[in-house]
Amino acid sequence: MPDRAVLFIDGNNWYHSLKDVGLTDVGRLSYATISKKLIGPRDWTATRYYIGQVQQRGNPRLYADQRAFVASLQATDRRISVHFGRLETRQAKNEAAEELLHYLNAMPTRIDSGVYKDLLALAHRHRVTSVVVEKAVDVMLAVDMVVMAERDHLDAAYILSADGDFTHAAQAVRSLGKKVYAASPLSGAQLAAAVNTFIHLPPAWFGDCYIP
């Protein structure tokens, strides 16, 4: 019997890796095609897509886009499922504003006083900014992968990510006698050292992976 393969997709890392290598129209990618192509002769049993859930009250347009993407994913094949973490808003120091303040205070020559005051006010106004942080997604993926390996629900796990945070989970799954592969358009030296094989996916690899 061929190995049972389960794919675990770190949605945020995966999406940005595709964009970083110049792939366009990534919303049209077929994850059924990607899954089958990636695992080769193994038996594809599941593809699990992990992502932070956008709330409607925060960004209605992004919320609608995510719902459409998730619906398309789940309609592609019954083996594809989506697993949501949280998106939380945090206050963070704006390094650009801090640098601008430092520059203005250390200027050797004076510029127009009106311009100087405007720049100073702008820097102070943006010293603290709101950022959206994804929470629980990586932990969910790592725990699910280890639990599925312990329960003998897979023989081979594919991590679609270059994130080194999955190193310990990959090592734990391998210690159970399972195979672990990582795949990404980007490099990930730390994760590559922990898996059986790190599969580099150049942009051309995706040429036949789009929904017509």
C-alpha atoms as a PDB file:
ATOM      1  CA  MET A   1       0.000   0.000   0.000  1.00  0.00           C
ATOM      2  CA  PRO A   2       1.319   3.505  -0.778  1.00  0.00           C
ATOM      3  CA  ASP A   3       2.088   5.898   2.071  1.00  0.00           C
ATOM      4  CA  ARG A   4      -0.845   7.997   3.251  1.00  0.00           C
ATOM      5  CA  ALA A   5       0.065  11.646   2.793  1.00  0.00           C
ATOM      6  CA  VAL A   6      -1.409  14.657   4.587  1.00  0.00           C
ATOM      7  CA  LEU A   7      -0.520  18.225   3.622  1.00  0.00           C
ATOM      8  CA  PHE A   8      -0.426  20.968   6.264  1.00  0.00           C
ATOM      9  CA  ILE A   9      -0.458  24.478   4.781  1.00  0.00           C
ATOM     10  CA  ASP A  10       0.722  27.444   6.841  1.00  0.00           C
ATOM     11  CA  GLY A  11      -1.580  29.843   4.983  1.00  0.00           C
ATOM     12  CA  ASN A  12       0.080  33.158   5.827  1.00  0.00           C
ATOM     13  CA  ASN A  13       3.651  32.007   5.221  1.00  0.00           C
ATOM     14  CA  TRP A  14       2.608  30.130   2.079  1.00  0.00           C
ATOM     15  CA  TYR A  15       0.703  33.072   0.572  1.00  0.00           C
ATOM     16  CA  HIS A  16       3.543  35.543   1.131  1.00  0.00           C
ATOM     17  CA  SER A  17       6.113  33.084  -0.237  1.00  0.00           C
ATOM     18  CA  LEU A  18       4.096  32.831  -3.468  1.00  0.00           C
ATOM     19  CA  LYS A  19       3.905  36.614  -3.751  1.00  0.00           C
ATOM     20  CA  ASP A  20       7.599  37.045  -2.915  1.00  0.00           C
ATOM     21  CA  VAL A  21       8.663  34.933  -5.907  1.00  0.00           C
ATOM     22  CA  GLY A  22       6.375  36.870  -8.239  1.00  0.00           C
ATOM     23  CA  LEU A  23       3.432  34.502  -8.681  1.00  0.00           C
ATOM     24  CA  THR A  24       0.277  36.272  -9.771  1.00  0.00           C
ATOM     25  CA  ASP A  25      -3.387  35.290  -9.563  1.00  0.00           C
ATOM     26  CA  VAL A  26      -2.614  33.053  -6.594  1.00  0.00           C
ATOM     27  CA  GLY A  27      -6.312  32.887  -5.739  1.00  0.00           C
ATOM     28  CA  ARG A  28      -6.797  30.687  -8.809  1.00  0.00           C
ATOM     29  CA  LEU A  29      -4.381  27.997  -7.678  1.00  0.00           C
ATOM     30  CA  SER A  30      -5.885  24.523  -7.419  1.00  0.00           C
ATOM     31  CA  TYR A  31      -4.889  22.948  -4.129  1.00  0.00           C
ATOM     32  CA  ALA A  32      -6.116  19.573  -5.266  1.00  0.00           C
ATOM     33  CA  THR A  33      -3.662  19.768  -8.181  1.00  0.00           C
ATOM     34  CA  ILE A  34      -0.864  21.050  -5.962  1.00  0.00           C
ATOM     35  CA  SER A  35      -1.485  18.270  -3.438  1.00  0.00           C
ATOM     36  CA  LYS A  36      -1.480  15.464  -6.010  1.00  0.00           C
ATOM     37  CA  LYS A  37       1.544  16.826  -7.850  1.00  0.00           C
ATOM     38  CA  LEU A  38       3.559  17.308  -4.678  1.00  0.00           C
ATOM     39  CA  ILE A  39       3.042  13.869  -3.132  1.00  0.00           C
ATOM     40  CA  GLY A  40       3.627  11.881  -6.339  1.00  0.00           C
ATOM     41  CA  PRO A  41       2.845   8.175  -5.893  1.00  0.00           C
ATOM     42  CA  ARG A  42       1.626   8.488  -2.308  1.00  0.00           C
ATOM     43  CA  ASP A  43      -2.050   8.273  -1.355  1.00  0.00           C
ATOM     44  CA  TRP A  44      -3.461  11.776  -0.828  1.00  0.00           C
ATOM     45  CA  THR A  45      -5.778  11.598   2.190  1.00  0.00           C
ATOM     46  CA  ALA A  46      -6.066  15.241   3.301  1.00  0.00           C
ATOM     47  CA  THR A  47      -4.926  18.818   2.788  1.00  0.00           C
ATOM     48  CA  ARG A  48      -5.381  21.065   5.821  1.00  0.00           C
ATOM     49  CA  TYR A  49      -5.162  24.838   5.274  1.00  0.00           C
ATOM     50  CA  TYR A  50      -4.456  26.929   8.418  1.00  0.00           C
ATOM     51  CA  ILE A  51      -5.163  30.673   8.463  1.00  0.00           C
ATOM     52  CA  GLY A  52      -6.174  33.509  10.780  1.00  0.00           C
ATOM     53  CA  GLN A  53      -9.889  34.273  10.516  1.00  0.00           C
ATOM     54  CA  VAL A  54     -10.793  37.777   9.347  1.00  0.00           C
ATOM     55  CA  GLN A  55     -13.659  39.377  11.262  1.00  0.00           C
ATOM     56  CA  GLN A  56     -16.409  41.149   9.323  1.00  0.00           C
ATOM     57  CA  ARG A  57     -16.484  44.166  11.628  1.00  0.00           C
ATOM     58  CA  GLY A  58     -12.802  44.911  11.058  1.00  0.00           C
ATOM     59  CA  ASN A  59     -12.476  44.820   7.285  1.00  0.00           C
ATOM     60  CA  PRO A  60     -15.646  43.851   5.366  1.00  0.00           C
ATOM     61  CA  ARG A  61     -13.848  43.651   2.014  1.00  0.00           C
ATOM     62  CA  LEU A  62     -11.090  41.396   3.316  1.00  0.00           C
ATOM     63  CA  TYR A  63     -13.693  39.344   5.172  1.00  0.00           C
ATOM     64  CA  ALA A  64     -15.647  38.796   1.948  1.00  0.00           C
ATOM     65  CA  ASP A  65     -12.469  37.922   0.017  1.00  0.00           C
ATOM     66  CA  GLN A  66     -11.441  35.361   2.634  1.00  0.00           C
ATOM     67  CA  ARG A  67     -14.916  33.783   2.698  1.00  0.00           C
ATOM     68  CA  ALA A  68     -14.874  33.437  -1.086  1.00  0.00           C
ATOM     69  CA  PHE A  69     -11.402  31.881  -0.987  1.00  0.00           C
ATOM     70  CA  VAL A  70     -12.363  29.436   1.760  1.00  0.00           C
ATOM     71  CA  ALA A  71     -15.567  28.442  -0.045  1.00  0.00           C
ATOM     72  CA  SER A  72     -13.600  27.809  -3.230  1.00  0.00           C
ATOM     73  CA  LEU A  73     -11.050  25.702  -1.345  1.00  0.00           C
ATOM     74  CA  GLN A  74     -13.631  23.528   0.355  1.00  0.00           C
ATOM     75  CA  ALA A  75     -15.648  23.050  -2.834  1.00  0.00           C
ATOM     76  CA  THR A  76     -12.609  21.772  -4.732  1.00  0.00           C
ATOM     77  CA  ASP A  77     -12.313  18.407  -3.008  1.00  0.00           C
ATOM     78  CA  ARG A  78     -13.729  16.828   0.144  1.00  0.00           C
ATOM     79  CA  ARG A  79     -10.188  16.100   1.343  1.00  0.00           C
ATOM     80  CA  ILE A  80      -9.414  19.815   1.655  1.00  0.00           C
ATOM     81  CA  SER A  81     -10.338  21.493   4.954  1.00  0.00           C
ATOM     82  CA  VAL A  82      -9.747  24.951   6.442  1.00  0.00           C
ATOM     83  CA  HIS A  83      -8.732  25.525  10.069  1.00  0.00           C
ATOM     84  CA  PHE A  84      -8.971  28.987  11.589  1.00  0.00           C
ATOM     85  CA  GLY A  85      -6.784  30.712  14.122  1.00  0.00           C
ATOM     86  CA  ARG A  86      -7.253  34.270  15.393  1.00  0.00           C
ATOM     87  CA  LEU A  87      -6.274  37.692  14.134  1.00  0.00           C
ATOM     88  CA  GLU A  88      -5.634  40.168  16.950  1.00  0.00           C
ATOM     89  CA  THR A  89      -4.924  43.894  16.756  1.00  0.00           C
ATOM     90  CA  ARG A  90      -1.923  45.058  18.777  1.00  0.00           C
ATOM     91  CA  GLN A  91      -0.265  48.416  19.372  1.00  0.00           C
ATOM     92  CA  ALA A  92       3.319  48.596  18.166  1.00  0.00           C
ATOM     93  CA  LYS A  93       6.051  51.203  18.013  1.00  0.00           C
ATOM     94  CA  ASN A  94       6.499  52.671  14.537  1.00  0.00           C
ATOM     95  CA  GLU A  95      10.214  52.474  13.799  1.00  0.00           C
ATOM     96  CA  ALA A  96       9.926  54.842  10.830  1.00  0.00           C
ATOM     97  CA  ALA A  97       8.323  57.537  12.994  1.00  0.00           C
ATOM     98  CA  GLU A  98      10.993  57.080  15.663  1.00  0.00           C
ATOM     99  CA  GLU A  99      13.742  57.397  13.081  1.00  0.00           C
ATOM    100  CA  LEU A 100      12.142  60.535  11.645  1.00  0.00           C
ATOM    101  CA  LEU A 101      11.973  62.109  15.108  1.00  0.00           C
ATOM    102  CA  HIS A 102      15.617  61.291  15.743  1.00  0.00           C
ATOM    103  CA  TYR A 103      16.592  62.756  12.383  1.00  0.00           C
ATOM    104  CA  LEU A 104      14.611  65.976  12.943  1.00  0.00           C
ATOM    105  CA  ASN A 105      16.059  66.483  16.406  1.00  0.00           C
ATOM    106  CA  ALA A 106      19.606  65.926  15.162  1.00  0.00           C
ATOM    107  CA  MET A 107      19.441  68.043  11.994  1.00  0.00           C
ATOM    108  CA  PRO A 108      22.608  70.161  11.664  1.00  0.00           C
ATOM    109  CA  THR A 109      20.772  72.802   9.632  1.00  0.00           C
ATOM    110  CA  ARG A 110      17.255  74.165   9.983  1.00  0.00           C
ATOM    111  CA  ILE A 111      14.639  73.792   7.293  1.00  0.00           C
ATOM    112  CA  ASP A 112      11.548  75.916   6.823  1.00  0.00           C
ATOM    113  CA  SER A 113       9.883  76.203  10.251  1.00  0.00           C
ATOM    114  CA  GLY A 114       6.445  75.326   8.898  1.00  0.00           C
ATOM    115  CA  VAL A 115       7.720  72.175   7.204  1.00  0.00           C
ATOM    116  CA  TYR A 116       9.705  71.260  10.312  1.00  0.00           C
ATOM    117  CA  LYS A 117       6.634  71.558  12.557  1.00  0.00           C
ATOM    118  CA  ASP A 118       4.504  69.524  10.134  1.00  0.00           C
ATOM    119  CA  LEU A 119       7.088  66.728   9.986  1.00  0.00           C
ATOM    120  CA  LEU A 120       7.465  66.762  13.762  1.00  0.00           C
ATOM    121  CA  ALA A 121       3.703  66.526  14.267  1.00  0.00           C
ATOM    122  CA  LEU A 122       3.481  63.727  11.693  1.00  0.00           C
ATOM    123  CA  ALA A 123       6.189  61.712  13.434  1.00  0.00           C
ATOM    124  CA  HIS A 124       4.563  62.134  16.859  1.00  0.00           C
ATOM    125  CA  ARG A 125       1.149  61.224  15.487  1.00  0.00           C
ATOM    126  CA  HIS A 126       2.405  57.929  14.091  1.00  0.00           C
ATOM    127  CA  ARG A 127       4.803  56.851  16.853  1.00  0.00           C
ATOM    128  CA  VAL A 128       2.360  54.089  17.784  1.00  0.00           C
ATOM    129  CA  THR A 129       0.464  52.146  15.146  1.00  0.00           C
ATOM    130  CA  SER A 130      -1.960  49.228  15.051  1.00  0.00           C
ATOM    131  CA  VAL A 131      -0.792  45.927  13.589  1.00  0.00           C
ATOM    132  CA  VAL A 132      -2.697  42.698  13.033  1.00  0.00           C
ATOM    133  CA  VAL A 133      -1.061  39.611  14.538  1.00  0.00           C
ATOM    134  CA  GLU A 134      -1.965  36.047  13.639  1.00  0.00           C
ATOM    135  CA  LYS A 135      -2.411  33.889  16.723  1.00  0.00           C
ATOM    136  CA  ALA A 136      -2.740  30.125  17.337  1.00  0.00           C
ATOM    137  CA  VAL A 137      -2.341  29.140  13.669  1.00  0.00           C
ATOM    138  CA  ASP A 138       1.200  27.736  13.883  1.00  0.00           C
ATOM    139  CA  VAL A 139       0.415  25.975  17.162  1.00  0.00           C
ATOM    140  CA  MET A 140      -2.728  24.386  15.722  1.00  0.00           C
ATOM    141  CA  LEU A 141      -0.854  23.113  12.688  1.00  0.00           C
ATOM    142  CA  ALA A 142       2.021  21.697  14.745  1.00  0.00           C
ATOM    143  CA  VAL A 143      -0.258  19.998  17.301  1.00  0.00           C
ATOM    144  CA  ASP A 144      -2.541  18.533  14.639  1.00  0.00           C
ATOM    145  CA  MET A 145       0.416  17.125  12.722  1.00  0.00           C
ATOM    146  CA  VAL A 146       1.898  15.450  15.804  1.00  0.00           C
ATOM    147  CA  VAL A 147      -1.469  14.095  16.992  1.00  0.00           C
ATOM    148  CA  MET A 148      -2.300  12.670  13.556  1.00  0.00           C
ATOM    149  CA  ALA A 149       1.089  10.983  13.454  1.00  0.00           C
ATOM    150  CA  GLU A 150       0.614   9.533  16.964  1.00  0.00           C
ATOM    151  CA  ARG A 151      -2.812   8.196  15.998  1.00  0.00           C
ATOM    152  CA  ASP A 152      -1.369   6.671  12.830  1.00  0.00           C
ATOM    153  CA  HIS A 153      -3.547   8.779  10.522  1.00  0.00           C
ATOM    154  CA  LEU A 154      -0.643   9.425   8.154  1.00  0.00           C
ATOM    155  CA  ASP A 155       2.617   7.982   6.931  1.00  0.00           C
ATOM    156  CA  ALA A 156       3.990  11.173   5.373  1.00  0.00           C
ATOM    157  CA  ALA A 157       3.390  14.783   6.430  1.00  0.00           C
ATOM    158  CA  TYR A 158       4.020  17.675   4.048  1.00  0.00           C
ATOM    159  CA  ILE A 159       4.470  21.123   5.590  1.00  0.00           C
ATOM    160  CA  LEU A 160       3.849  23.861   3.028  1.00  0.00           C
ATOM    161  CA  SER A 161       5.905  26.549   4.696  1.00  0.00           C
ATOM    162  CA  ALA A 162       9.484  27.709   5.192  1.00  0.00           C
ATOM    163  CA  ASP A 163       8.906  28.666   8.840  1.00  0.00           C
ATOM    164  CA  GLY A 164      11.540  27.305  11.206  1.00  0.00           C
ATOM    165  CA  ASP A 165       8.993  27.322  14.057  1.00  0.00           C
ATOM    166  CA  PHE A 166       7.813  23.913  12.821  1.00  0.00           C
ATOM    167  CA  THR A 167      11.209  22.325  13.461  1.00  0.00           C
ATOM    168  CA  HIS A 168      10.294  20.626  16.759  1.00  0.00           C
ATOM    169  CA  ALA A 169       6.977  19.343  15.425  1.00  0.00           C
ATOM    170  CA  ALA A 170       8.740  17.866  12.397  1.00  0.00           C
ATOM    171  CA  GLN A 171      11.292  16.155  14.635  1.00  0.00           C
ATOM    172  CA  ALA A 172       8.526  14.764  16.851  1.00  0.00           C
ATOM    173  CA  VAL A 173       6.662  13.313  13.869  1.00  0.00           C
ATOM    174  CA  ARG A 174       9.846  11.747  12.484  1.00  0.00           C
ATOM    175  CA  SER A 175      10.575  10.199  15.894  1.00  0.00           C
ATOM    176  CA  LEU A 176       7.289   8.291  15.477  1.00  0.00           C
ATOM    177  CA  GLY A 177       8.614   6.646  12.328  1.00  0.00           C
ATOM    178  CA  LYS A 178       6.794   8.944   9.914  1.00  0.00           C
ATOM    179  CA  LYS A 179       8.277  10.880   7.000  1.00  0.00           C
ATOM    180  CA  VAL A 180       8.154  14.682   6.989  1.00  0.00           C
ATOM    181  CA  TYR A 181       8.673  16.925   3.980  1.00  0.00           C
ATOM    182  CA  ALA A 182       8.627  20.708   3.719  1.00  0.00           C
ATOM    183  CA  ALA A 183       7.819  22.537   0.495  1.00  0.00           C
ATOM    184  CA  SER A 184       8.032  26.236  -0.318  1.00  0.00           C
ATOM    185  CA  PRO A 185       9.095  28.693  -3.038  1.00  0.00           C
ATOM    186  CA  LEU A 186      11.394  30.196  -0.379  1.00  0.00           C
ATOM    187  CA  SER A 187      14.319  28.631   1.436  1.00  0.00           C
ATOM    188  CA  GLY A 188      14.132  27.615   5.076  1.00  0.00           C
ATOM    189  CA  ALA A 189      17.443  26.297   6.379  1.00  0.00           C
ATOM    190  CA  GLN A 190      16.269  25.569   9.919  1.00  0.00           C
ATOM    191  CA  LEU A 191      13.205  23.620   8.830  1.00  0.00           C
ATOM    192  CA  ALA A 192      15.153  21.921   6.034  1.00  0.00           C
ATOM    193  CA  ALA A 193      17.539  20.478   8.614  1.00  0.00           C
ATOM    194  CA  ALA A 194      14.645  18.901  10.542  1.00  0.00           C
ATOM    195  CA  VAL A 195      12.706  17.204   7.721  1.00  0.00           C
ATOM    196  CA  ASN A 196      13.470  14.263   5.449  1.00  0.00           C
ATOM    197  CA  THR A 197      13.533  16.507   2.380  1.00  0.00           C
ATOM    198  CA  PHE A 198      12.964  20.204   1.733  1.00  0.00           C
ATOM    199  CA  ILE A 199      11.296  20.617  -1.661  1.00  0.00           C
ATOM    200  CA  HIS A 200      12.026  23.923  -3.366  1.00  0.00           C
ATOM    201  CA  LEU A 201       9.162  25.025  -5.611  1.00  0.00           C
ATOM    202  CA  PRO A 202      10.257  27.548  -8.270  1.00  0.00           C
ATOM    203  CA  PRO A 203       7.555  29.691  -9.905  1.00  0.00           C
ATOM    204  CA  ALA A 204       7.546  27.494 -13.022  1.00  0.00           C
ATOM    205  CA  TRP A 205       6.471  24.499 -10.897  1.00  0.00           C
ATOM    206  CA  PHE A 206       3.020  26.075 -10.500  1.00  0.00           C
ATOM    207  CA  GLY A 207       2.422  26.497 -14.227  1.00  0.00           C
ATOM    208  CA  ASP A 208      -0.075  23.614 -14.461  1.00  0.00           C
ATOM    209  CA  CYS A 209      -1.629  24.164 -11.007  1.00  0.00           C
ATOM    210  CA  TYR A 210      -4.204  26.815 -11.884  1.00  0.00           C
ATOM    211  CA  ILE A 211      -7.961  26.356 -12.075  1.00  0.00           C
ATOM    212  CA  PRO A 212      -8.968  26.843 -15.751  1.00  0.00           C
END
